[in-house]
């Protein structure tokens, strides 16, 4: 069976997508609209990492649009949309600075629905959400890793190649994906290389076993309480 992967980002249209929707923050509510063009190319580049040489059913939850910045409520609505569409994996190469109750609740519903969540986390600096929530697989960039290589920086925190060169032409001035965003995409790519219908705990164990590097890069902050992996 193929993985059904929900990408929550700026990407609103891909040939591989089986469904797509945009979630826009409006005064007092979140509007679900028809997905539009990717305003930054960030999500498009993440999608290329996830789908290149992979047969997946792609769901696109567009939370970064030309309407302006996203919100915790918009990301939560996209997560609930992905749950309703039976996503196996929810990928979020994004991080919000503060804890939002609405986002925490949506993450909890995804975990209860046996979704595997992978979210970007900074290698240094303060916690971001949803990566900081329990049950979410945290991912970042690790300069030691080449494409397809992984590191286990701490239990539940994985590193991967912080760079990605897209195969397609995304246009001059398009956003450069790097750091935690790219690393998280490579981690999710590793997840969907394995068998479907597995638990998040099984995925963490498989990623840990696959890791080429154990322990943090020298530059990694103690914010994430890094320690050698078991």
C-alpha atoms as a PDB file:
ATOM      1  CA  UNK A   1       0.000   0.000   0.000  1.00  0.00           C
ATOM      2  CA  UNK A   2       1.095   3.561  -0.676  1.00  0.00           C
ATOM      3  CA  UNK A   3       1.691   6.117   2.015  1.00  0.00           C
ATOM      4  CA  UNK A   4      -0.850   8.937   2.175  1.00  0.00           C
ATOM      5  CA  UNK A   5       1.191  12.012   3.086  1.00  0.00           C
ATOM      6  CA  UNK A   6      -0.280  15.371   4.062  1.00  0.00           C
ATOM      7  CA  UNK A   7       2.080  18.277   3.405  1.00  0.00           C
ATOM      8  CA  UNK A   8       1.060  21.363   5.366  1.00  0.00           C
ATOM      9  CA  UNK A   9       2.964  24.271   3.871  1.00  0.00           C
ATOM     10  CA  UNK A  10       2.713  26.788   1.005  1.00  0.00           C
ATOM     11  CA  UNK A  11       2.191  24.310  -1.821  1.00  0.00           C
ATOM     12  CA  UNK A  12      -1.302  24.320  -3.315  1.00  0.00           C
ATOM     13  CA  UNK A  13      -0.982  22.364  -6.537  1.00  0.00           C
ATOM     14  CA  UNK A  14       0.968  19.272  -7.614  1.00  0.00           C
ATOM     15  CA  UNK A  15       0.209  16.641 -10.259  1.00  0.00           C
ATOM     16  CA  UNK A  16       0.555  13.931  -7.607  1.00  0.00           C
ATOM     17  CA  UNK A  17      -1.954  15.509  -5.223  1.00  0.00           C
ATOM     18  CA  UNK A  18      -5.148  13.593  -4.552  1.00  0.00           C
ATOM     19  CA  UNK A  19      -6.658  16.546  -2.685  1.00  0.00           C
ATOM     20  CA  UNK A  20      -5.731  20.098  -1.769  1.00  0.00           C
ATOM     21  CA  UNK A  21      -7.213  22.974   0.223  1.00  0.00           C
ATOM     22  CA  UNK A  22      -6.103  26.359   1.510  1.00  0.00           C
ATOM     23  CA  UNK A  23      -6.647  27.485   5.096  1.00  0.00           C
ATOM     24  CA  UNK A  24      -6.705  31.256   5.464  1.00  0.00           C
ATOM     25  CA  UNK A  25      -6.897  33.221   8.694  1.00  0.00           C
ATOM     26  CA  UNK A  26      -9.819  35.657   8.569  1.00  0.00           C
ATOM     27  CA  UNK A  27     -11.194  37.853  11.374  1.00  0.00           C
ATOM     28  CA  UNK A  28     -12.640  35.480  13.952  1.00  0.00           C
ATOM     29  CA  UNK A  29     -12.470  32.355  11.804  1.00  0.00           C
ATOM     30  CA  UNK A  30     -10.451  30.122   9.501  1.00  0.00           C
ATOM     31  CA  UNK A  31     -11.682  29.937   5.928  1.00  0.00           C
ATOM     32  CA  UNK A  32     -11.185  26.776   3.875  1.00  0.00           C
ATOM     33  CA  UNK A  33     -10.700  27.812   0.256  1.00  0.00           C
ATOM     34  CA  UNK A  34      -9.567  26.338  -3.027  1.00  0.00           C
ATOM     35  CA  UNK A  35      -5.798  25.943  -2.987  1.00  0.00           C
ATOM     36  CA  UNK A  36      -3.873  28.389  -5.109  1.00  0.00           C
ATOM     37  CA  UNK A  37      -0.382  28.813  -6.487  1.00  0.00           C
ATOM     38  CA  UNK A  38       2.608  28.457  -4.175  1.00  0.00           C
ATOM     39  CA  UNK A  39       3.591  32.055  -3.310  1.00  0.00           C
ATOM     40  CA  UNK A  40       7.100  31.196  -2.074  1.00  0.00           C
ATOM     41  CA  UNK A  41       8.006  27.809  -3.665  1.00  0.00           C
ATOM     42  CA  UNK A  42       8.899  26.549  -0.166  1.00  0.00           C
ATOM     43  CA  UNK A  43       6.201  23.895  -0.127  1.00  0.00           C
ATOM     44  CA  UNK A  44       6.903  22.955  -3.735  1.00  0.00           C
ATOM     45  CA  UNK A  45      10.501  22.137  -2.918  1.00  0.00           C
ATOM     46  CA  UNK A  46       9.472  20.132   0.118  1.00  0.00           C
ATOM     47  CA  UNK A  47       7.012  18.224  -2.081  1.00  0.00           C
ATOM     48  CA  UNK A  48       9.822  17.379  -4.490  1.00  0.00           C
ATOM     49  CA  UNK A  49      11.825  15.820  -1.673  1.00  0.00           C
ATOM     50  CA  UNK A  50       8.858  13.760  -0.521  1.00  0.00           C
ATOM     51  CA  UNK A  51       7.706  12.526  -3.926  1.00  0.00           C
ATOM     52  CA  UNK A  52      10.902  12.105  -5.939  1.00  0.00           C
ATOM     53  CA  UNK A  53      11.178   8.376  -6.706  1.00  0.00           C
ATOM     54  CA  UNK A  54       8.398   7.732  -4.198  1.00  0.00           C
ATOM     55  CA  UNK A  55       4.871   6.580  -4.990  1.00  0.00           C
ATOM     56  CA  UNK A  56       2.717   8.449  -2.482  1.00  0.00           C
ATOM     57  CA  UNK A  57      -0.804   9.794  -2.237  1.00  0.00           C
ATOM     58  CA  UNK A  58      -0.166  13.480  -1.587  1.00  0.00           C
ATOM     59  CA  UNK A  59      -2.527  15.771   0.314  1.00  0.00           C
ATOM     60  CA  UNK A  60      -1.742  19.496   0.236  1.00  0.00           C
ATOM     61  CA  UNK A  61      -2.868  21.703   3.103  1.00  0.00           C
ATOM     62  CA  UNK A  62      -1.903  25.223   2.078  1.00  0.00           C
ATOM     63  CA  UNK A  63      -1.426  27.456   5.129  1.00  0.00           C
ATOM     64  CA  UNK A  64       1.013  29.967   3.633  1.00  0.00           C
ATOM     65  CA  UNK A  65      -0.753  31.964   0.944  1.00  0.00           C
ATOM     66  CA  UNK A  66      -0.581  35.425  -0.594  1.00  0.00           C
ATOM     67  CA  UNK A  67      -3.076  36.475   2.082  1.00  0.00           C
ATOM     68  CA  UNK A  68      -0.313  36.814   4.660  1.00  0.00           C
ATOM     69  CA  UNK A  69       1.241  34.824   7.514  1.00  0.00           C
ATOM     70  CA  UNK A  70      -0.334  31.692   8.899  1.00  0.00           C
ATOM     71  CA  UNK A  71      -1.649  31.066  12.406  1.00  0.00           C
ATOM     72  CA  UNK A  72      -1.892  28.238  14.882  1.00  0.00           C
ATOM     73  CA  UNK A  73      -5.603  27.962  14.128  1.00  0.00           C
ATOM     74  CA  UNK A  74      -4.964  27.650  10.375  1.00  0.00           C
ATOM     75  CA  UNK A  75      -2.364  24.926  10.902  1.00  0.00           C
ATOM     76  CA  UNK A  76      -4.755  23.149  13.287  1.00  0.00           C
ATOM     77  CA  UNK A  77      -7.531  23.284  10.677  1.00  0.00           C
ATOM     78  CA  UNK A  78      -5.167  21.804   8.080  1.00  0.00           C
ATOM     79  CA  UNK A  79      -4.234  18.999  10.483  1.00  0.00           C
ATOM     80  CA  UNK A  80      -7.907  18.174  11.095  1.00  0.00           C
ATOM     81  CA  UNK A  81      -8.492  18.228   7.322  1.00  0.00           C
ATOM     82  CA  UNK A  82      -5.611  15.750   6.873  1.00  0.00           C
ATOM     83  CA  UNK A  83      -7.024  13.477   9.591  1.00  0.00           C
ATOM     84  CA  UNK A  84     -10.419  13.463   7.879  1.00  0.00           C
ATOM     85  CA  UNK A  85      -8.703  12.402   4.664  1.00  0.00           C
ATOM     86  CA  UNK A  86      -6.964   9.486   6.394  1.00  0.00           C
ATOM     87  CA  UNK A  87      -3.400  10.756   6.175  1.00  0.00           C
ATOM     88  CA  UNK A  88      -0.776   8.274   7.349  1.00  0.00           C
ATOM     89  CA  UNK A  89       1.861  10.989   7.766  1.00  0.00           C
ATOM     90  CA  UNK A  90       1.478  14.714   8.373  1.00  0.00           C
ATOM     91  CA  UNK A  91       4.563  16.715   7.447  1.00  0.00           C
ATOM     92  CA  UNK A  92       5.144  20.237   8.773  1.00  0.00           C
ATOM     93  CA  UNK A  93       8.321  22.045   7.749  1.00  0.00           C
ATOM     94  CA  UNK A  94       7.195  24.952   9.882  1.00  0.00           C
ATOM     95  CA  UNK A  95       7.367  26.078  13.472  1.00  0.00           C
ATOM     96  CA  UNK A  96       5.338  28.576  15.489  1.00  0.00           C
ATOM     97  CA  UNK A  97       6.978  30.460  18.319  1.00  0.00           C
ATOM     98  CA  UNK A  98       4.255  29.992  20.914  1.00  0.00           C
ATOM     99  CA  UNK A  99       2.081  27.187  22.228  1.00  0.00           C
ATOM    100  CA  UNK A 100      -1.507  27.435  20.982  1.00  0.00           C
ATOM    101  CA  UNK A 101      -4.238  25.380  22.630  1.00  0.00           C
ATOM    102  CA  UNK A 102      -6.049  24.901  19.319  1.00  0.00           C
ATOM    103  CA  UNK A 103      -2.876  23.521  17.723  1.00  0.00           C
ATOM    104  CA  UNK A 104      -2.108  21.257  20.667  1.00  0.00           C
ATOM    105  CA  UNK A 105      -5.628  19.833  20.488  1.00  0.00           C
ATOM    106  CA  UNK A 106      -5.346  19.155  16.750  1.00  0.00           C
ATOM    107  CA  UNK A 107      -1.998  17.411  17.232  1.00  0.00           C
ATOM    108  CA  UNK A 108      -3.589  15.281  19.944  1.00  0.00           C
ATOM    109  CA  UNK A 109      -6.402  14.276  17.599  1.00  0.00           C
ATOM    110  CA  UNK A 110      -3.873  13.329  14.916  1.00  0.00           C
ATOM    111  CA  UNK A 111      -1.939  11.143  17.347  1.00  0.00           C
ATOM    112  CA  UNK A 112      -5.178   9.516  18.514  1.00  0.00           C
ATOM    113  CA  UNK A 113      -5.943   8.780  14.843  1.00  0.00           C
ATOM    114  CA  UNK A 114      -2.544   7.014  14.533  1.00  0.00           C
ATOM    115  CA  UNK A 115      -1.113   9.664  12.239  1.00  0.00           C
ATOM    116  CA  UNK A 116       2.673  10.005  12.214  1.00  0.00           C
ATOM    117  CA  UNK A 117       3.631  13.657  12.580  1.00  0.00           C
ATOM    118  CA  UNK A 118       7.029  15.002  11.512  1.00  0.00           C
ATOM    119  CA  UNK A 119       7.740  18.663  12.261  1.00  0.00           C
ATOM    120  CA  UNK A 120      10.742  20.926  11.829  1.00  0.00           C
ATOM    121  CA  UNK A 121      12.693  21.941  14.915  1.00  0.00           C
ATOM    122  CA  UNK A 122      15.607  24.396  15.052  1.00  0.00           C
ATOM    123  CA  UNK A 123      19.016  22.936  15.805  1.00  0.00           C
ATOM    124  CA  UNK A 124      19.562  25.920  18.085  1.00  0.00           C
ATOM    125  CA  UNK A 125      17.283  28.334  19.879  1.00  0.00           C
ATOM    126  CA  UNK A 126      13.879  28.239  21.488  1.00  0.00           C
ATOM    127  CA  UNK A 127      11.247  25.537  21.180  1.00  0.00           C
ATOM    128  CA  UNK A 128       8.788  25.758  18.308  1.00  0.00           C
ATOM    129  CA  UNK A 129       5.405  24.177  17.799  1.00  0.00           C
ATOM    130  CA  UNK A 130       4.155  21.635  16.813  1.00  0.00           C
ATOM    131  CA  UNK A 131       7.611  20.010  17.103  1.00  0.00           C
ATOM    132  CA  UNK A 132       7.636  20.598  20.862  1.00  0.00           C
ATOM    133  CA  UNK A 133       4.500  18.549  21.481  1.00  0.00           C
ATOM    134  CA  UNK A 134       4.831  15.015  22.822  1.00  0.00           C
ATOM    135  CA  UNK A 135       4.350  12.362  20.179  1.00  0.00           C
ATOM    136  CA  UNK A 136       5.653  14.488  17.297  1.00  0.00           C
ATOM    137  CA  UNK A 137       8.834  13.324  15.542  1.00  0.00           C
ATOM    138  CA  UNK A 138      11.188  16.316  15.570  1.00  0.00           C
ATOM    139  CA  UNK A 139      13.506  16.886  12.631  1.00  0.00           C
ATOM    140  CA  UNK A 140      16.202  19.388  11.737  1.00  0.00           C
ATOM    141  CA  UNK A 141      19.147  19.921   9.436  1.00  0.00           C
ATOM    142  CA  UNK A 142      22.477  18.253  10.184  1.00  0.00           C
ATOM    143  CA  UNK A 143      25.490  19.343   8.131  1.00  0.00           C
ATOM    144  CA  UNK A 144      27.107  15.922   8.645  1.00  0.00           C
ATOM    145  CA  UNK A 145      24.381  14.258   6.592  1.00  0.00           C
ATOM    146  CA  UNK A 146      24.347  13.813   2.839  1.00  0.00           C
ATOM    147  CA  UNK A 147      20.991  13.259   1.072  1.00  0.00           C
ATOM    148  CA  UNK A 148      19.310  10.067   2.342  1.00  0.00           C
ATOM    149  CA  UNK A 149      21.507  10.002   5.488  1.00  0.00           C
ATOM    150  CA  UNK A 150      20.137  10.491   8.991  1.00  0.00           C
ATOM    151  CA  UNK A 151      21.444  11.378  12.409  1.00  0.00           C
ATOM    152  CA  UNK A 152      19.829  10.788  15.784  1.00  0.00           C
ATOM    153  CA  UNK A 153      20.591  13.922  17.776  1.00  0.00           C
ATOM    154  CA  UNK A 154      18.503  12.921  20.802  1.00  0.00           C
ATOM    155  CA  UNK A 155      15.608  10.529  21.434  1.00  0.00           C
ATOM    156  CA  UNK A 156      12.884  11.537  18.999  1.00  0.00           C
ATOM    157  CA  UNK A 157      15.023  14.253  17.362  1.00  0.00           C
ATOM    158  CA  UNK A 158      16.518  13.410  13.980  1.00  0.00           C
ATOM    159  CA  UNK A 159      18.787  15.298  11.635  1.00  0.00           C
ATOM    160  CA  UNK A 160      19.164  15.012   7.891  1.00  0.00           C
ATOM    161  CA  UNK A 161      20.677  16.846   4.953  1.00  0.00           C
ATOM    162  CA  UNK A 162      20.055  20.591   5.394  1.00  0.00           C
ATOM    163  CA  UNK A 163      20.080  21.208   1.650  1.00  0.00           C
ATOM    164  CA  UNK A 164      17.948  20.279  -1.297  1.00  0.00           C
ATOM    165  CA  UNK A 165      18.419  21.035  -4.964  1.00  0.00           C
ATOM    166  CA  UNK A 166      15.098  20.647  -6.788  1.00  0.00           C
ATOM    167  CA  UNK A 167      14.869  18.752 -10.025  1.00  0.00           C
ATOM    168  CA  UNK A 168      12.350  21.187 -11.486  1.00  0.00           C
ATOM    169  CA  UNK A 169      12.599  24.848 -12.387  1.00  0.00           C
ATOM    170  CA  UNK A 170      10.820  26.903  -9.746  1.00  0.00           C
ATOM    171  CA  UNK A 171      11.611  30.343 -11.070  1.00  0.00           C
ATOM    172  CA  UNK A 172      14.004  33.120 -10.238  1.00  0.00           C
ATOM    173  CA  UNK A 173      13.679  34.494  -6.745  1.00  0.00           C
ATOM    174  CA  UNK A 174      11.985  31.408  -5.358  1.00  0.00           C
ATOM    175  CA  UNK A 175      12.573  30.611  -1.719  1.00  0.00           C
ATOM    176  CA  UNK A 176      15.603  28.536  -0.844  1.00  0.00           C
ATOM    177  CA  UNK A 177      14.789  25.583   1.358  1.00  0.00           C
ATOM    178  CA  UNK A 178      17.480  24.844   3.857  1.00  0.00           C
ATOM    179  CA  UNK A 179      18.199  24.037   7.453  1.00  0.00           C
ATOM    180  CA  UNK A 180      15.423  22.498   9.487  1.00  0.00           C
ATOM    181  CA  UNK A 181      12.881  22.696   6.641  1.00  0.00           C
ATOM    182  CA  UNK A 182      14.986  20.601   4.294  1.00  0.00           C
ATOM    183  CA  UNK A 183      16.157  18.296   7.074  1.00  0.00           C
ATOM    184  CA  UNK A 184      12.581  17.576   8.099  1.00  0.00           C
ATOM    185  CA  UNK A 185      11.660  16.767   4.504  1.00  0.00           C
ATOM    186  CA  UNK A 186      14.502  14.226   4.237  1.00  0.00           C
ATOM    187  CA  UNK A 187      13.402  12.663   7.536  1.00  0.00           C
ATOM    188  CA  UNK A 188       9.838  12.236   6.270  1.00  0.00           C
ATOM    189  CA  UNK A 189      11.256  10.812   3.039  1.00  0.00           C
ATOM    190  CA  UNK A 190      13.014   8.202   5.180  1.00  0.00           C
ATOM    191  CA  UNK A 191       9.764   7.450   6.992  1.00  0.00           C
ATOM    192  CA  UNK A 192       7.858   6.755   3.773  1.00  0.00           C
ATOM    193  CA  UNK A 193      10.640   4.500   2.516  1.00  0.00           C
ATOM    194  CA  UNK A 194       9.492   1.950   5.090  1.00  0.00           C
ATOM    195  CA  UNK A 195       6.354  -0.164   5.395  1.00  0.00           C
ATOM    196  CA  UNK A 196       2.961   1.466   5.881  1.00  0.00           C
ATOM    197  CA  UNK A 197       0.560   0.932   8.771  1.00  0.00           C
ATOM    198  CA  UNK A 198       3.215   1.223  11.472  1.00  0.00           C
ATOM    199  CA  UNK A 199       3.109   3.143  14.727  1.00  0.00           C
ATOM    200  CA  UNK A 200       5.026   6.308  15.457  1.00  0.00           C
ATOM    201  CA  UNK A 201       7.070   4.353  18.018  1.00  0.00           C
ATOM    202  CA  UNK A 202       8.037   1.844  15.306  1.00  0.00           C
ATOM    203  CA  UNK A 203       9.061   4.694  13.021  1.00  0.00           C
ATOM    204  CA  UNK A 204      11.252   6.279  15.702  1.00  0.00           C
ATOM    205  CA  UNK A 205      12.947   2.937  16.303  1.00  0.00           C
ATOM    206  CA  UNK A 206      13.535   2.413  12.572  1.00  0.00           C
ATOM    207  CA  UNK A 207      14.956   5.913  12.103  1.00  0.00           C
ATOM    208  CA  UNK A 208      17.232   5.487  15.108  1.00  0.00           C
ATOM    209  CA  UNK A 209      18.518   2.166  13.775  1.00  0.00           C
ATOM    210  CA  UNK A 210      19.173   3.734  10.378  1.00  0.00           C
ATOM    211  CA  UNK A 211      21.026   6.796  11.725  1.00  0.00           C
ATOM    212  CA  UNK A 212      24.622   7.131  10.572  1.00  0.00           C
ATOM    213  CA  UNK A 213      25.478   9.673  13.280  1.00  0.00           C
ATOM    214  CA  UNK A 214      24.511   9.483  16.951  1.00  0.00           C
ATOM    215  CA  UNK A 215      24.499  12.493  19.233  1.00  0.00           C
ATOM    216  CA  UNK A 216      24.309  16.183  18.430  1.00  0.00           C
ATOM    217  CA  UNK A 217      26.423  18.324  16.185  1.00  0.00           C
ATOM    218  CA  UNK A 218      28.802  20.449  18.193  1.00  0.00           C
ATOM    219  CA  UNK A 219      26.713  23.545  17.447  1.00  0.00           C
ATOM    220  CA  UNK A 220      23.445  22.051  18.751  1.00  0.00           C
ATOM    221  CA  UNK A 221      21.923  23.906  21.675  1.00  0.00           C
ATOM    222  CA  UNK A 222      20.978  22.254  24.947  1.00  0.00           C
ATOM    223  CA  UNK A 223      17.485  23.695  24.479  1.00  0.00           C
ATOM    224  CA  UNK A 224      16.348  20.346  23.114  1.00  0.00           C
ATOM    225  CA  UNK A 225      18.139  18.455  25.915  1.00  0.00           C
ATOM    226  CA  UNK A 226      20.323  16.523  23.444  1.00  0.00           C
ATOM    227  CA  UNK A 227      21.895  13.283  24.641  1.00  0.00           C
ATOM    228  CA  UNK A 228      23.257  10.184  22.937  1.00  0.00           C
ATOM    229  CA  UNK A 229      20.638   7.961  21.410  1.00  0.00           C
ATOM    230  CA  UNK A 230      20.114   4.477  22.872  1.00  0.00           C
END
